[in-house]
Amino acid sequence: MRKEEIVKLPLCIQDYLNYLSVVKNKSQLTILEYASDLRMFTRFELRRHNPDLASLPFEKIEIFSADISFFEKLNLTDSYAFLAFCKDERGDDATARARKVVSIKRFYKYLFANQLIKENNMVNLEAPKIKKSLPKYLTLEQSTALLRAVDGKNKERDYCILTFFLNCGLRLAELVSINLSDFSDEGTLRVVGKGNKERTIYINDSCIKALKSYMRVRPVDGVIDKNALFLSNQKKRISPKTVQHLVNVYLEKAGLGNSGFSVHKLRHTAATLMYQHGNVDVLLLKEILGHENLATTEIYTHVVNEQLRKAVDSNPLNNLDKTE
C-alpha cells in the first residue's frame, strides 16, 4: 500500500494510523502494513454485509464511507469469515493471517480505549497457530566462502555490506539506513530498528577493517545523499532491492544458490554464530539483535540444542542393542 492511498481509508482508520505514528512512534513501513490489513478487512466486511458490492472487483470497493457504527456492529464471526477468505481466496499462510489478527485487535483496542465504541467485540479474536521452525543459517565455512566470493568493481562496498550482515546481525532496512554520522569514535554504531527504536552495536575488528577499506574508495564528488554510508552506482543511498540482488549474486558464486538462503538468513547466521562460537548470553544477544521479546531470541538456543542432539545421535554406539 502506498502512503498517498491512506486518505481513501475511513476517517477512524486514518485517525488510528496517526495515533500509531505520533504516540506509538511506529515506522512508516509498519503503519502501511496496518493500513493494508485494515483496508482489506473493511472491503471484505462491506461486501459481506452488502450483496450489491459482490459484482465489483474486490480492489475497486470504496471504503471511505465506513464509519464507527459499521465497525461496532462487526463481531467474531465476521472476523473469522475474513480470515477464511484470506486463507482460501488470497492464499495467506498462518503467519500472514496472524498479522491480520494483530491489526484488527489493536485497531479495536484503540477504538474501545478512546470510547469510540461501547464494547470491544474483537478482544477474544484468536490467531492461527504458527508452526515454529528453526531458523536457516549459513555455517561458519559457508559464511567464509560467501565473503571470499566477493569481487568486481564494488568489491570493497559489497564486502563491507556482507561483513556487517554476518557480524552485526542487521536487518536489511537497518543496513541501508546507516549514515556516516551513526558511527562513534568509541567503535560503536547507532542502529534504528523496528518501531524507530534505537540501539547501539559495538563493531568488531572485521567490520572496522572492511569499513576502512570501503571508505578509501567510497565516492565523494557528486554524491546525492552525502551522509549515506552505502552508495549505489548512481551515488545515491543504496536500495534494499540492490542489496538483495548483490547478496543473491554472491550466494550463487559461493555455490550456495537455490539453497533457501537470503539477506535475512544472514541475520540468522550472525546470531547463530555468536551464540555457538562466542558463548554470548541470550539476553545480550537479544540486545544486539534488537528483539522486543526474549522468546524471539531463544530460537537460537534451540538451534544449538538440536545440533547437540544430532551429535549424540551420530555416536556409533547409538545403534548398539545389548539385548541382541
Protein backbone atom coordinates (compact mmCIF):
# COMPACT_ATOMS: atom_id res chain seq x y z
CA MET A 1 0.00 0.00 0.00
CA ARG A 2 1.28 3.49 -0.87
CA LYS A 3 1.32 6.38 1.58
CA GLU A 4 -0.89 8.56 -0.63
CA GLU A 5 -3.66 5.95 -0.51
CA ILE A 6 -4.22 6.44 3.22
CA VAL A 7 -6.59 9.37 2.53
CA LYS A 8 -9.00 6.89 0.89
CA LEU A 9 -9.39 4.96 4.15
CA PRO A 10 -12.25 5.56 6.62
CA LEU A 11 -11.53 8.52 8.88
CA CYS A 12 -11.45 6.37 12.01
CA ILE A 13 -8.69 4.22 10.46
CA GLN A 14 -6.78 7.36 9.42
CA ASP A 15 -7.04 8.63 13.00
CA TYR A 16 -5.73 5.29 14.26
CA LEU A 17 -2.76 5.41 11.87
CA ASN A 18 -1.95 8.93 13.08
CA TYR A 19 -2.02 7.58 16.63
CA LEU A 20 0.44 4.83 15.66
CA SER A 21 2.77 7.41 14.16
CA VAL A 22 2.59 10.17 16.76
CA VAL A 23 2.05 8.26 20.01
CA LYS A 24 3.40 4.78 19.34
CA ASN A 25 6.21 6.07 17.12
CA LYS A 26 5.76 3.21 14.65
CA SER A 27 7.80 3.22 11.44
CA GLN A 28 6.23 4.22 8.14
CA LEU A 29 6.54 0.62 6.90
CA THR A 30 4.67 -0.73 9.94
CA ILE A 31 1.93 1.87 9.55
CA LEU A 32 1.44 0.98 5.89
CA GLU A 33 1.21 -2.72 6.81
CA TYR A 34 -1.55 -1.97 9.33
CA ALA A 35 -3.28 0.25 6.76
CA SER A 36 -3.18 -2.51 4.14
CA ASP A 37 -4.59 -5.12 6.53
CA LEU A 38 -7.41 -2.85 7.71
CA ARG A 39 -8.27 -1.82 4.15
CA MET A 40 -8.65 -5.46 3.14
CA PHE A 41 -10.67 -6.22 6.29
CA THR A 42 -13.02 -3.31 5.64
CA ARG A 43 -13.51 -4.18 1.98
CA PHE A 44 -14.37 -7.75 2.84
CA GLU A 45 -16.83 -6.80 5.57
CA LEU A 46 -18.55 -4.18 3.40
CA ARG A 47 -19.01 -6.77 0.67
CA ARG A 48 -20.12 -9.40 3.18
CA HIS A 49 -22.86 -7.13 4.52
CA ASN A 50 -23.84 -5.54 1.22
CA PRO A 51 -24.67 -8.05 -1.54
CA ASP A 52 -24.78 -5.22 -4.12
CA LEU A 53 -20.99 -4.98 -3.88
CA ALA A 54 -20.46 -8.64 -4.79
CA SER A 55 -20.32 -7.86 -8.51
CA LEU A 56 -17.49 -5.34 -8.09
CA PRO A 57 -13.81 -6.36 -8.30
CA PHE A 58 -12.59 -6.63 -4.73
CA GLU A 59 -9.88 -3.96 -5.16
CA LYS A 60 -12.45 -1.49 -6.53
CA ILE A 61 -14.67 -1.48 -3.45
CA GLU A 62 -14.59 2.02 -1.93
CA ILE A 63 -14.38 2.02 1.86
CA PHE A 64 -14.10 5.70 2.83
CA SER A 65 -17.74 5.86 3.97
CA ALA A 66 -17.35 3.09 6.57
CA ASP A 67 -17.83 4.78 9.96
CA ILE A 68 -17.56 3.88 13.63
CA SER A 69 -21.07 2.40 13.71
CA PHE A 70 -20.13 0.00 10.91
CA PHE A 71 -17.11 -1.36 12.79
CA GLU A 72 -19.03 -1.51 16.06
CA LYS A 73 -21.57 -3.93 14.52
CA LEU A 74 -18.93 -6.44 13.43
CA ASN A 75 -18.29 -9.48 15.60
CA LEU A 76 -16.00 -12.50 15.88
CA THR A 77 -17.97 -14.42 13.25
CA ASP A 78 -17.31 -11.64 10.76
CA SER A 79 -13.59 -11.65 11.53
CA TYR A 80 -13.26 -15.42 11.21
CA ALA A 81 -15.07 -15.22 7.87
CA PHE A 82 -12.46 -12.65 6.80
CA LEU A 83 -9.60 -14.93 7.90
CA ALA A 84 -11.16 -17.80 5.95
CA PHE A 85 -11.28 -15.51 2.90
CA CYS A 86 -7.59 -14.66 3.39
CA LYS A 87 -6.69 -18.34 3.54
CA ASP A 88 -8.91 -19.75 0.80
CA GLU A 89 -9.02 -16.92 -1.73
CA ARG A 90 -5.85 -14.93 -1.03
CA GLY A 91 -3.63 -17.87 -0.19
CA ASP A 92 -2.33 -16.29 3.04
CA ASP A 93 -0.33 -18.62 5.24
CA ALA A 94 -0.73 -18.79 9.02
CA THR A 95 1.87 -16.08 9.61
CA ALA A 96 0.17 -13.62 7.28
CA ARG A 97 -3.23 -14.32 8.84
CA ALA A 98 -1.81 -13.94 12.34
CA ARG A 99 -0.53 -10.49 11.40
CA LYS A 100 -4.02 -9.52 10.21
CA VAL A 101 -5.44 -10.67 13.56
CA VAL A 102 -3.00 -8.36 15.32
CA SER A 103 -4.00 -5.47 13.06
CA ILE A 104 -7.71 -5.98 13.75
CA LYS A 105 -7.35 -6.49 17.52
CA ARG A 106 -5.14 -3.44 18.00
CA PHE A 107 -7.47 -1.27 15.94
CA TYR A 108 -10.45 -2.32 18.04
CA LYS A 109 -8.44 -1.87 21.23
CA TYR A 110 -7.77 1.71 20.14
CA LEU A 111 -11.44 2.34 19.36
CA PHE A 112 -12.54 0.97 22.74
CA ALA A 113 -9.83 2.76 24.74
CA ASN A 114 -10.88 6.06 23.20
CA GLN A 115 -14.56 5.36 23.92
CA LEU A 116 -15.42 5.35 20.23
CA ILE A 117 -17.20 2.00 20.62
CA LYS A 118 -19.11 0.74 23.65
CA GLU A 119 -17.80 -2.81 23.50
CA ASN A 120 -14.69 -4.43 22.02
CA ASN A 121 -16.10 -7.36 20.07
CA MET A 122 -12.64 -8.47 18.90
CA VAL A 123 -10.95 -8.85 22.26
CA ASN A 124 -11.21 -12.66 22.05
CA LEU A 125 -10.24 -12.96 18.39
CA GLU A 126 -7.78 -15.86 18.11
CA ALA A 127 -4.84 -16.08 15.74
CA PRO A 128 -3.96 -19.28 13.84
CA LYS A 129 -1.26 -21.40 15.38
CA ILE A 130 2.09 -20.90 13.70
CA LYS A 131 4.41 -23.84 13.40
CA LYS A 132 7.75 -22.88 14.89
CA SER A 133 10.72 -23.82 12.76
CA LEU A 134 14.42 -23.45 13.39
CA PRO A 135 15.99 -20.52 11.54
CA LYS A 136 18.00 -21.36 8.45
CA TYR A 137 21.57 -20.09 8.57
CA LEU A 138 24.98 -20.42 6.96
CA THR A 139 27.66 -22.44 8.69
CA LEU A 140 30.99 -20.84 9.53
CA GLU A 141 32.52 -22.46 6.44
CA GLN A 142 29.68 -21.27 4.20
CA SER A 143 29.94 -17.75 5.61
CA THR A 144 33.67 -17.71 4.85
CA ALA A 145 33.01 -18.96 1.31
CA LEU A 146 30.44 -16.20 0.80
CA LEU A 147 32.89 -13.48 1.83
CA ARG A 148 35.62 -14.95 -0.40
CA ALA A 149 33.25 -14.87 -3.38
CA VAL A 150 33.17 -11.06 -3.40
CA ASP A 151 34.77 -9.44 -6.44
CA GLY A 152 34.08 -6.82 -9.11
CA LYS A 153 34.20 -3.03 -9.22
CA ASN A 154 32.19 -2.68 -5.99
CA LYS A 155 34.06 -5.37 -4.09
CA GLU A 156 35.02 -3.10 -1.17
CA ARG A 157 31.45 -1.92 -0.71
CA ASP A 158 29.92 -5.36 -1.15
CA TYR A 159 32.44 -6.99 1.19
CA CYS A 160 31.66 -4.37 3.81
CA ILE A 161 27.92 -4.98 3.43
CA LEU A 162 28.28 -8.74 3.85
CA THR A 163 30.67 -8.28 6.78
CA PHE A 164 28.19 -6.04 8.62
CA PHE A 165 25.36 -8.51 7.98
CA LEU A 166 27.36 -11.50 9.20
CA ASN A 167 28.97 -9.82 12.20
CA CYS A 168 26.26 -7.47 13.47
CA GLY A 169 23.04 -9.31 12.62
CA LEU A 170 21.50 -6.26 10.99
CA ARG A 171 18.12 -6.23 9.29
CA LEU A 172 18.07 -5.16 5.64
CA ALA A 173 16.27 -1.89 6.40
CA GLU A 174 18.77 -1.15 9.17
CA LEU A 175 21.78 -1.67 6.92
CA VAL A 176 20.62 0.57 4.05
CA SER A 177 19.69 3.28 6.58
CA ILE A 178 23.18 3.53 8.10
CA ASN A 179 24.61 7.06 7.99
CA LEU A 180 28.22 8.14 8.36
CA SER A 181 27.15 10.11 11.43
CA ASP A 182 25.91 6.90 13.11
CA PHE A 183 29.46 5.80 13.93
CA SER A 184 31.23 6.94 17.08
CA ASP A 185 34.91 7.26 17.93
CA GLU A 186 34.40 4.51 20.54
CA GLY A 187 33.80 1.92 17.82
CA THR A 188 30.02 1.80 18.06
CA LEU A 189 27.24 2.02 15.52
CA ARG A 190 23.83 3.58 16.19
CA VAL A 191 21.12 1.49 14.57
CA VAL A 192 17.47 2.47 14.09
CA GLY A 193 15.41 -0.72 14.15
CA LYS A 194 11.75 -1.68 14.09
CA GLY A 195 9.40 0.91 15.52
CA ASN A 196 12.16 3.53 15.22
CA LYS A 197 13.82 2.03 18.28
CA GLU A 198 17.50 2.87 18.57
CA ARG A 199 20.21 0.53 19.79
CA THR A 200 23.98 0.68 19.91
CA ILE A 201 26.15 -2.05 18.40
CA TYR A 202 29.86 -2.45 19.05
CA ILE A 203 31.52 -3.19 15.73
CA ASN A 204 34.38 -5.68 15.75
CA ASP A 205 37.78 -5.59 14.03
CA SER A 206 36.47 -7.27 10.86
CA CYS A 207 33.81 -4.61 10.46
CA ILE A 208 36.27 -1.79 11.15
CA LYS A 209 38.77 -3.16 8.64
CA ALA A 210 36.08 -3.65 5.96
CA LEU A 211 34.69 -0.18 6.66
CA LYS A 212 38.09 1.50 6.29
CA SER A 213 38.72 -0.36 3.05
CA TYR A 214 35.38 0.78 1.64
CA MET A 215 35.76 4.38 2.81
CA ARG A 216 39.02 4.65 0.85
CA VAL A 217 37.09 4.11 -2.41
CA ARG A 218 33.64 5.45 -1.48
CA PRO A 219 32.66 8.24 -3.91
CA VAL A 220 32.89 11.80 -2.63
CA ASP A 221 32.12 14.03 -5.59
CA GLY A 222 28.57 14.13 -6.91
CA VAL A 223 27.12 12.11 -4.05
CA ILE A 224 23.39 12.83 -3.69
CA ASP A 225 22.99 11.62 -0.09
CA LYS A 226 26.32 12.62 1.41
CA ASN A 227 25.53 11.11 4.83
CA ALA A 228 24.56 7.66 3.49
CA LEU A 229 27.19 5.01 4.16
CA PHE A 230 26.45 2.60 1.34
CA LEU A 231 26.01 4.14 -2.10
CA SER A 232 24.68 2.79 -5.38
CA ASN A 233 26.37 3.24 -8.75
CA GLN A 234 24.21 6.36 -9.16
CA LYS A 235 25.84 7.75 -6.00
CA LYS A 236 22.55 7.59 -4.10
CA ARG A 237 21.76 5.68 -0.91
CA ILE A 238 21.77 2.02 -1.87
CA SER A 239 18.30 0.48 -2.10
CA PRO A 240 17.10 -2.69 -0.36
CA LYS A 241 16.47 -4.29 -3.76
CA THR A 242 20.08 -3.67 -4.83
CA VAL A 243 21.40 -5.22 -1.62
CA GLN A 244 19.15 -8.26 -2.06
CA HIS A 245 20.42 -8.67 -5.62
CA LEU A 246 24.11 -8.48 -4.73
CA VAL A 247 23.67 -10.92 -1.85
CA ASN A 248 21.97 -13.39 -4.20
CA VAL A 249 24.78 -12.96 -6.75
CA TYR A 250 27.47 -13.79 -4.20
CA LEU A 251 25.48 -16.69 -2.77
CA GLU A 252 25.41 -18.12 -6.29
CA LYS A 253 29.14 -17.55 -6.77
CA ALA A 254 29.84 -19.26 -3.44
CA GLY A 255 27.90 -22.32 -4.55
CA LEU A 256 25.04 -21.53 -2.17
CA GLY A 257 22.40 -20.58 -4.71
CA ASN A 258 18.98 -22.27 -4.63
CA SER A 259 19.63 -23.33 -1.04
CA GLY A 260 16.99 -21.19 0.59
CA PHE A 261 19.43 -18.52 1.77
CA SER A 262 18.58 -14.81 1.64
CA VAL A 263 19.52 -11.47 3.15
CA HIS A 264 17.50 -12.18 6.28
CA LYS A 265 19.22 -15.56 6.65
CA LEU A 266 22.48 -13.62 7.08
CA ARG A 267 20.96 -12.07 10.19
CA HIS A 268 20.11 -15.57 11.43
CA THR A 269 23.67 -16.59 10.62
CA ALA A 270 25.19 -13.79 12.68
CA ALA A 271 23.00 -14.62 15.67
CA THR A 272 23.69 -18.35 15.47
CA LEU A 273 27.46 -17.94 15.08
CA MET A 274 27.61 -15.54 18.02
CA TYR A 275 25.67 -17.97 20.19
CA GLN A 276 27.58 -21.06 19.00
CA HIS A 277 31.12 -19.77 18.93
CA GLY A 278 31.09 -16.67 21.10
CA ASN A 279 29.31 -18.01 24.19
CA VAL A 280 27.06 -14.94 24.03
CA ASP A 281 24.37 -14.85 26.70
CA VAL A 282 20.89 -14.95 25.21
CA LEU A 283 19.96 -11.67 26.94
CA LEU A 284 22.95 -9.93 25.36
CA LEU A 285 22.05 -11.45 22.01
CA LYS A 286 18.55 -10.02 22.39
CA GLU A 287 20.02 -6.53 22.78
CA ILE A 288 22.40 -6.95 19.84
CA LEU A 289 19.62 -8.07 17.51
CA GLY A 290 17.09 -5.54 18.78
CA HIS A 291 14.41 -8.12 19.58
CA GLU A 292 11.44 -6.87 21.55
CA ASN A 293 10.74 -10.24 23.17
CA LEU A 294 13.20 -12.75 24.62
CA ALA A 295 11.18 -15.60 23.10
CA THR A 296 12.22 -14.41 19.64
CA THR A 297 15.90 -14.65 20.58
CA GLU A 298 15.59 -18.01 22.31
CA ILE A 299 15.05 -19.73 18.96
CA TYR A 300 18.84 -19.64 18.55
CA THR A 301 19.30 -21.70 21.70
CA HIS A 302 17.04 -24.33 20.11
CA VAL A 303 19.35 -24.41 17.08
CA VAL A 304 22.28 -25.38 19.28
CA ASN A 305 20.21 -27.87 21.27
CA GLU A 306 19.15 -29.57 18.03
CA GLN A 307 22.78 -29.77 16.94
CA LEU A 308 23.74 -31.32 20.28
CA ARG A 309 21.00 -33.90 19.89
CA LYS A 310 22.18 -34.80 16.40
CA ALA A 311 25.77 -35.04 17.63
CA VAL A 312 24.79 -37.54 20.31
CA ASP A 313 22.64 -39.48 17.84
CA SER A 314 25.60 -39.75 15.47
CA ASN A 315 27.64 -41.69 18.05
CA PRO A 316 28.24 -45.17 16.54
CA LEU A 317 27.31 -46.73 19.87
CA ASN A 318 23.84 -45.23 19.49
CA ASN A 319 22.72 -48.26 17.48
CA LEU A 320 24.16 -50.84 19.84
CA ASP A 321 21.50 -53.05 21.43
CA LYS A 322 22.88 -55.09 24.35
CA THR A 323 19.87 -57.43 24.20
CA GLU A 324 20.93 -58.76 20.80
